[in-house]
Amino acid sequence: MQRSRTRQKRKKRKFLSIILLILLVIGAIFAFRLYSSFNNALDNIVNKSALEKSDKRKKEVSLENKEAFTVLLLGVDEREGDKGRSDTMLLMSVNGKENSVEMLSIPRDTRVNIAGKNKKDKINHAYAFGGVDMSAKTVEEFLDIPVDYYVEMNMDGFKDLVDAVGGVTVDNPFAFSYGGQSFKQGTIHLNGEEALQYTRMRKEDPKGDFGRQARQRQVIEGILDKGASMQSLWKYNDILGALKSNMQTNVSVDEMMDIQKHYAGARNNMKQEQIEGTGQKIDGVYYYLVPDEERDRVSSIFKDHLNLQ
């Protein structure tokens, strides 16, 4: 009897060992496929040439040392017959040592000096004049801080990314309808098309463009939360497909890995800043005018966060 039990235990351990080995092999194959797909997708996503190195950086940012860096997110509204405009302009500084993020949505009608053009215009027109680099250089001149990285997203393709992560859940502050979609007040789940319209409405919002910026942040945070979950691993093909078709960035695969390794906790401590100004028409064109002292105030917040003061 004792020998029989011993043999059964050995068979059970052997069986469990075989199951574990099979799981490890499957896991290794899955990890290899994921890494290969990731690298293949990056061939179409990474574009280092679109953004020249900032002259406001004296030395390279060390991601391994968790040094603070900036990212300019451009949501581009591409239009038939022209290059399009940056419908959304979101600046983020990420500090790995403090594990925190500062965010600023720059109103698209903000009147600034367009870098390289020597003219005053709406900040979202910088993209139409000179693409990513002119947008970044205009932001740098406006706030006197470097733009280290960029992420350019086609706003129409934005819905593909939301669908790829299985939709997002947001807390809508008030009921409204826009773009053929109706949004009730309270907690709602959005698919890609709904999320796109949810982030585009601004004229009916009591807070105007600032209310729109808050809704954009909700959706972006929803995508980040879903993308960071284990469940998203099973949707990686859909996610990479959405990114490959609709996104460009100068963040390399190695830099992405470093950011994930050293800055992952920062996404749980995100603070949104707001730049105050007034709306005014100049020569019949509406602009958002930001006083110099307000611009300096916001600039100081980012310089402190980037350890540039």
Protein backbone atom coordinates (compact mmCIF):
# COMPACT_ATOMS: atom_id res chain seq x y z
CA MET A 1 0.00 0.00 0.00
CA GLN A 2 2.79 2.36 0.98
CA ARG A 3 4.70 1.62 -2.25
CA SER A 4 1.51 2.20 -4.26
CA ARG A 5 0.96 5.61 -2.65
CA THR A 6 4.59 6.55 -3.27
CA ARG A 7 4.30 5.62 -6.95
CA GLN A 8 1.07 7.67 -7.24
CA LYS A 9 2.74 10.72 -5.69
CA ARG A 10 5.68 10.40 -8.09
CA LYS A 11 3.30 10.13 -11.06
CA LYS A 12 1.39 13.17 -9.82
CA ARG A 13 4.58 15.21 -9.39
CA LYS A 14 5.74 14.12 -12.84
CA PHE A 15 2.39 15.05 -14.34
CA LEU A 16 2.46 18.49 -12.65
CA SER A 17 6.04 19.01 -13.85
CA ILE A 18 4.98 18.26 -17.42
CA ILE A 19 2.03 20.67 -17.15
CA LEU A 20 4.32 23.37 -15.74
CA LEU A 21 6.84 22.80 -18.54
CA ILE A 22 4.09 23.07 -21.16
CA LEU A 23 2.84 26.32 -19.57
CA LEU A 24 6.37 27.74 -19.52
CA VAL A 25 6.87 26.87 -23.19
CA ILE A 26 3.52 28.43 -24.11
CA GLY A 27 4.42 31.52 -22.08
CA ALA A 28 7.81 31.79 -23.78
CA ILE A 29 6.22 31.50 -27.24
CA PHE A 30 3.60 34.10 -26.31
CA ALA A 31 6.28 36.48 -24.95
CA PHE A 32 8.39 36.02 -28.10
CA ARG A 33 5.39 36.67 -30.35
CA LEU A 34 4.47 39.72 -28.31
CA TYR A 35 8.01 41.13 -28.48
CA SER A 36 8.31 40.38 -32.22
CA SER A 37 4.94 41.96 -32.97
CA PHE A 38 5.89 44.96 -30.84
CA ASN A 39 9.13 45.48 -32.76
CA ASN A 40 7.45 45.02 -36.14
CA ALA A 41 4.78 47.56 -35.21
CA LEU A 42 7.46 50.02 -34.13
CA ASP A 43 8.95 49.99 -37.62
CA ASN A 44 5.92 52.02 -38.70
CA ILE A 45 5.47 53.97 -35.46
CA VAL A 46 8.92 55.32 -34.56
CA ASN A 47 9.97 58.45 -36.43
CA LYS A 48 12.98 60.14 -34.84
CA SER A 49 13.45 62.66 -37.66
CA ALA A 50 10.15 64.48 -37.05
CA LEU A 51 11.48 66.25 -33.94
CA GLU A 52 14.88 67.93 -33.73
CA LYS A 53 16.75 67.88 -30.40
CA SER A 54 15.71 70.72 -28.13
CA ASP A 55 18.27 73.49 -27.62
CA LYS A 56 16.79 73.94 -24.14
CA ARG A 57 18.44 70.68 -23.05
CA LYS A 58 22.10 70.92 -22.07
CA LYS A 59 22.47 67.12 -21.73
CA GLU A 60 20.54 64.01 -22.65
CA VAL A 61 17.83 62.79 -20.28
CA SER A 62 18.84 59.57 -18.48
CA LEU A 63 15.79 57.31 -18.27
CA GLU A 64 17.75 54.73 -16.29
CA ASN A 65 18.34 57.38 -13.60
CA LYS A 66 14.64 58.29 -13.60
CA GLU A 67 15.33 61.86 -14.72
CA ALA A 68 12.29 63.97 -15.57
CA PHE A 69 11.32 64.37 -19.23
CA THR A 70 8.52 65.90 -21.29
CA VAL A 71 6.14 64.46 -23.87
CA LEU A 72 4.01 66.49 -26.27
CA LEU A 73 0.86 64.63 -27.30
CA LEU A 74 -0.62 65.93 -30.55
CA GLY A 75 -4.09 64.81 -31.55
CA VAL A 76 -4.17 65.71 -35.23
CA ASP A 77 -7.37 66.44 -37.11
CA GLU A 78 -6.38 65.51 -40.67
CA ARG A 79 -8.44 67.18 -43.35
CA GLU A 80 -8.76 66.42 -47.03
CA GLY A 81 -6.57 68.73 -49.10
CA ASP A 82 -4.35 70.03 -46.29
CA LYS A 83 -1.92 68.81 -43.65
CA GLY A 84 -4.39 69.24 -40.81
CA ARG A 85 -4.16 70.94 -37.43
CA SER A 86 -3.40 69.78 -33.92
CA ASP A 87 -6.91 69.49 -32.54
CA THR A 88 -5.46 68.44 -29.18
CA MET A 89 -2.18 69.61 -27.64
CA LEU A 90 -1.32 67.99 -24.32
CA LEU A 91 2.04 68.56 -22.61
CA MET A 92 3.19 66.14 -19.92
CA SER A 93 6.26 66.15 -17.70
CA VAL A 94 7.10 62.80 -16.11
CA ASN A 95 9.28 62.61 -13.00
CA GLY A 96 10.50 59.11 -12.13
CA LYS A 97 12.06 60.03 -8.80
CA GLU A 98 8.85 61.64 -7.54
CA ASN A 99 6.66 59.14 -9.44
CA SER A 100 4.42 61.95 -10.66
CA VAL A 101 3.10 63.52 -13.86
CA GLU A 102 2.20 67.14 -14.59
CA MET A 103 -0.26 67.62 -17.46
CA LEU A 104 -1.28 70.73 -19.34
CA SER A 105 -3.85 70.88 -22.13
CA ILE A 106 -2.98 73.95 -24.19
CA PRO A 107 -6.14 75.53 -25.66
CA ARG A 108 -5.91 75.27 -29.43
CA ASP A 109 -6.91 78.92 -29.93
CA THR A 110 -4.05 80.22 -27.74
CA ARG A 111 -2.39 83.15 -29.50
CA VAL A 112 1.38 82.64 -29.56
CA ASN A 113 4.42 83.41 -31.63
CA ILE A 114 4.80 80.56 -34.17
CA ALA A 115 8.42 79.39 -33.97
CA GLY A 116 10.28 79.89 -37.24
CA LYS A 117 7.46 81.94 -38.80
CA ASN A 118 7.90 85.21 -36.90
CA LYS A 119 4.15 85.72 -36.70
CA LYS A 120 1.38 85.53 -34.11
CA ASP A 121 -1.29 82.90 -34.70
CA LYS A 122 -3.31 80.15 -33.01
CA ILE A 123 -1.01 77.52 -31.53
CA ASN A 124 -2.79 74.68 -33.32
CA HIS A 125 -1.81 76.22 -36.68
CA ALA A 126 1.88 75.46 -35.96
CA TYR A 127 1.31 71.88 -37.06
CA ALA A 128 -0.14 72.99 -40.40
CA PHE A 129 2.88 75.26 -40.96
CA GLY A 130 5.65 72.85 -39.95
CA GLY A 131 4.41 69.57 -38.52
CA VAL A 132 5.57 68.06 -35.25
CA ASP A 133 8.84 70.00 -35.01
CA MET A 134 7.26 73.44 -35.42
CA SER A 135 4.51 72.51 -32.93
CA ALA A 136 7.12 71.41 -30.38
CA LYS A 137 9.37 74.43 -30.93
CA THR A 138 6.35 76.75 -30.56
CA VAL A 139 5.45 75.12 -27.24
CA GLU A 140 9.09 75.40 -26.12
CA GLU A 141 9.15 79.11 -26.94
CA PHE A 142 5.77 79.68 -25.29
CA LEU A 143 6.62 77.96 -21.96
CA ASP A 144 10.44 78.11 -22.02
CA ILE A 145 10.87 74.38 -21.39
CA PRO A 146 12.21 71.54 -23.58
CA VAL A 147 10.05 69.07 -25.47
CA ASP A 148 11.93 65.76 -25.32
CA TYR A 149 9.46 63.37 -26.89
CA TYR A 150 6.32 63.55 -28.97
CA VAL A 151 3.37 61.28 -29.68
CA GLU A 152 1.27 62.17 -32.72
CA MET A 153 -2.16 60.53 -32.90
CA ASN A 154 -4.67 60.73 -35.72
CA MET A 155 -7.89 61.73 -33.94
CA ASP A 156 -10.06 59.65 -36.29
CA GLY A 157 -7.86 56.66 -35.48
CA PHE A 158 -8.18 57.44 -31.79
CA LYS A 159 -11.43 55.49 -31.77
CA ASP A 160 -9.60 52.38 -33.04
CA LEU A 161 -7.35 52.45 -29.98
CA VAL A 162 -10.32 52.78 -27.61
CA ASP A 163 -11.99 49.82 -29.31
CA ALA A 164 -8.73 47.85 -29.17
CA VAL A 165 -8.61 48.07 -25.36
CA GLY A 166 -12.29 47.15 -25.06
CA GLY A 167 -13.68 50.64 -24.51
CA VAL A 168 -13.25 53.00 -21.56
CA THR A 169 -15.36 53.99 -18.57
CA VAL A 170 -15.67 57.68 -17.65
CA ASP A 171 -17.62 59.85 -15.20
CA ASN A 172 -19.58 62.33 -17.32
CA PRO A 173 -20.34 65.57 -15.37
CA PHE A 174 -23.47 66.48 -17.38
CA ALA A 175 -25.72 65.03 -20.08
CA PHE A 176 -25.20 66.18 -23.67
CA SER A 177 -25.45 65.07 -27.28
CA TYR A 178 -22.81 65.52 -29.96
CA GLY A 179 -21.89 63.98 -33.30
CA GLY A 180 -24.95 61.76 -33.36
CA GLN A 181 -24.18 60.34 -29.90
CA SER A 182 -25.99 60.95 -26.60
CA PHE A 183 -24.17 60.87 -23.28
CA LYS A 184 -26.04 60.63 -20.00
CA GLN A 185 -24.74 62.11 -16.77
CA GLY A 186 -22.75 59.81 -14.48
CA THR A 187 -20.63 56.73 -15.06
CA ILE A 188 -20.79 55.59 -18.69
CA HIS A 189 -18.87 53.12 -20.86
CA LEU A 190 -17.70 54.36 -24.26
CA ASN A 191 -16.72 52.53 -27.41
CA GLY A 192 -14.32 54.11 -29.90
CA GLU A 193 -16.79 56.25 -31.86
CA GLU A 194 -18.51 57.40 -28.66
CA ALA A 195 -15.15 58.31 -27.06
CA LEU A 196 -14.17 60.35 -30.12
CA GLN A 197 -17.37 62.42 -30.01
CA TYR A 198 -17.21 62.66 -26.20
CA THR A 199 -13.80 64.36 -26.45
CA ARG A 200 -14.67 66.66 -29.37
CA MET A 201 -17.60 68.62 -27.95
CA ARG A 202 -16.71 72.00 -26.45
CA LYS A 203 -19.23 74.71 -27.41
CA GLU A 204 -22.01 73.29 -25.21
CA ASP A 205 -19.67 72.76 -22.26
CA PRO A 206 -20.06 75.44 -19.52
CA LYS A 207 -16.26 75.34 -19.10
CA GLY A 208 -15.61 75.60 -22.82
CA ASP A 209 -12.29 74.19 -23.99
CA PHE A 210 -11.26 73.40 -20.41
CA GLY A 211 -14.23 71.09 -20.00
CA ARG A 212 -13.27 69.41 -23.25
CA GLN A 213 -9.71 69.00 -21.99
CA ALA A 214 -10.98 67.31 -18.82
CA ARG A 215 -12.98 64.83 -20.91
CA GLN A 216 -9.93 64.15 -23.07
CA ARG A 217 -7.92 63.39 -19.95
CA GLN A 218 -10.61 60.97 -18.74
CA VAL A 219 -10.39 58.97 -21.95
CA ILE A 220 -6.57 59.03 -22.05
CA GLU A 221 -6.40 57.77 -18.46
CA GLY A 222 -8.97 55.11 -19.33
CA ILE A 223 -6.80 53.90 -22.22
CA LEU A 224 -3.70 53.85 -19.99
CA ASP A 225 -5.49 51.88 -17.28
CA LYS A 226 -6.84 49.35 -19.75
CA GLY A 227 -3.52 49.11 -21.60
CA ALA A 228 -1.65 48.41 -18.35
CA SER A 229 -3.98 45.57 -17.31
CA MET A 230 -3.15 41.89 -17.81
CA GLN A 231 -6.33 41.45 -19.86
CA SER A 232 -4.89 43.73 -22.56
CA LEU A 233 -2.16 41.15 -23.28
CA TRP A 234 -4.75 39.01 -25.05
CA LYS A 235 -5.67 42.02 -27.22
CA TYR A 236 -2.13 43.05 -28.08
CA ASN A 237 -2.60 42.43 -31.81
CA ASP A 238 -5.59 44.79 -31.89
CA ILE A 239 -3.76 47.40 -29.80
CA LEU A 240 -0.60 47.27 -31.92
CA GLY A 241 -2.69 47.40 -35.09
CA ALA A 242 -4.46 50.55 -33.89
CA LEU A 243 -1.15 52.16 -32.91
CA LYS A 244 0.60 51.19 -36.13
CA SER A 245 -2.10 52.76 -38.27
CA ASN A 246 -2.63 55.95 -36.30
CA MET A 247 0.43 56.90 -34.26
CA GLN A 248 3.94 58.32 -34.70
CA THR A 249 6.53 58.91 -31.97
CA ASN A 250 10.25 59.42 -31.44
CA VAL A 251 10.30 57.09 -28.41
CA SER A 252 12.35 54.01 -29.35
CA VAL A 253 11.56 50.49 -28.17
CA ASP A 254 14.45 50.61 -25.67
CA GLU A 255 13.21 53.93 -24.32
CA MET A 256 9.69 52.52 -24.02
CA MET A 257 11.06 49.62 -22.00
CA ASP A 258 13.01 52.01 -19.74
CA ILE A 259 9.93 54.18 -19.19
CA GLN A 260 7.83 51.14 -18.32
CA LYS A 261 10.54 49.91 -15.93
CA HIS A 262 11.43 53.17 -14.17
CA TYR A 263 8.33 55.39 -14.47
CA ALA A 264 5.35 52.99 -14.31
CA GLY A 265 4.18 54.29 -10.92
CA ALA A 266 3.96 57.88 -12.18
CA ARG A 267 0.68 57.26 -14.00
CA ASN A 268 -1.04 56.80 -10.63
CA ASN A 269 -0.13 60.35 -9.58
CA MET A 270 -1.23 62.65 -12.40
CA LYS A 271 -1.98 66.33 -11.82
CA GLN A 272 -3.62 68.54 -14.43
CA GLU A 273 -2.67 72.19 -14.62
CA GLN A 274 -4.79 74.87 -16.26
CA ILE A 275 -3.53 77.97 -18.04
CA GLU A 276 -5.86 80.94 -17.54
CA GLY A 277 -6.65 83.53 -20.17
CA THR A 278 -9.44 85.41 -21.91
CA GLY A 279 -11.18 85.02 -25.24
CA GLN A 280 -10.93 87.97 -27.60
CA LYS A 281 -11.43 88.68 -31.29
CA ILE A 282 -8.57 90.29 -33.20
CA ASP A 283 -9.30 91.34 -36.79
CA GLY A 284 -12.44 89.22 -36.64
CA VAL A 285 -10.59 86.07 -35.50
CA TYR A 286 -11.17 84.50 -32.06
CA TYR A 287 -8.08 83.93 -29.92
CA TYR A 288 -7.35 82.77 -26.37
CA LEU A 289 -5.02 85.35 -24.83
CA VAL A 290 -2.72 84.27 -21.97
CA PRO A 291 -1.13 87.06 -19.86
CA ASP A 292 2.66 86.93 -19.49
CA GLU A 293 2.46 86.47 -15.71
CA GLU A 294 0.14 83.46 -16.13
CA ARG A 295 2.44 81.92 -18.72
CA ASP A 296 5.40 82.43 -16.34
CA ARG A 297 3.45 80.79 -13.50
CA VAL A 298 2.72 77.65 -15.54
CA SER A 299 6.28 77.61 -16.88
CA SER A 300 7.65 77.64 -13.32
CA ILE A 301 5.47 74.66 -12.33
CA PHE A 302 6.92 72.58 -15.15
CA LYS A 303 10.47 73.79 -14.58
CA ASP A 304 10.22 72.76 -10.92
CA HIS A 305 8.85 69.37 -11.89
CA LEU A 306 11.63 68.91 -14.45
CA ASN A 307 14.30 70.15 -11.98
CA LEU A 308 15.27 72.93 -14.39
CA GLN A 309 14.95 75.92 -12.04
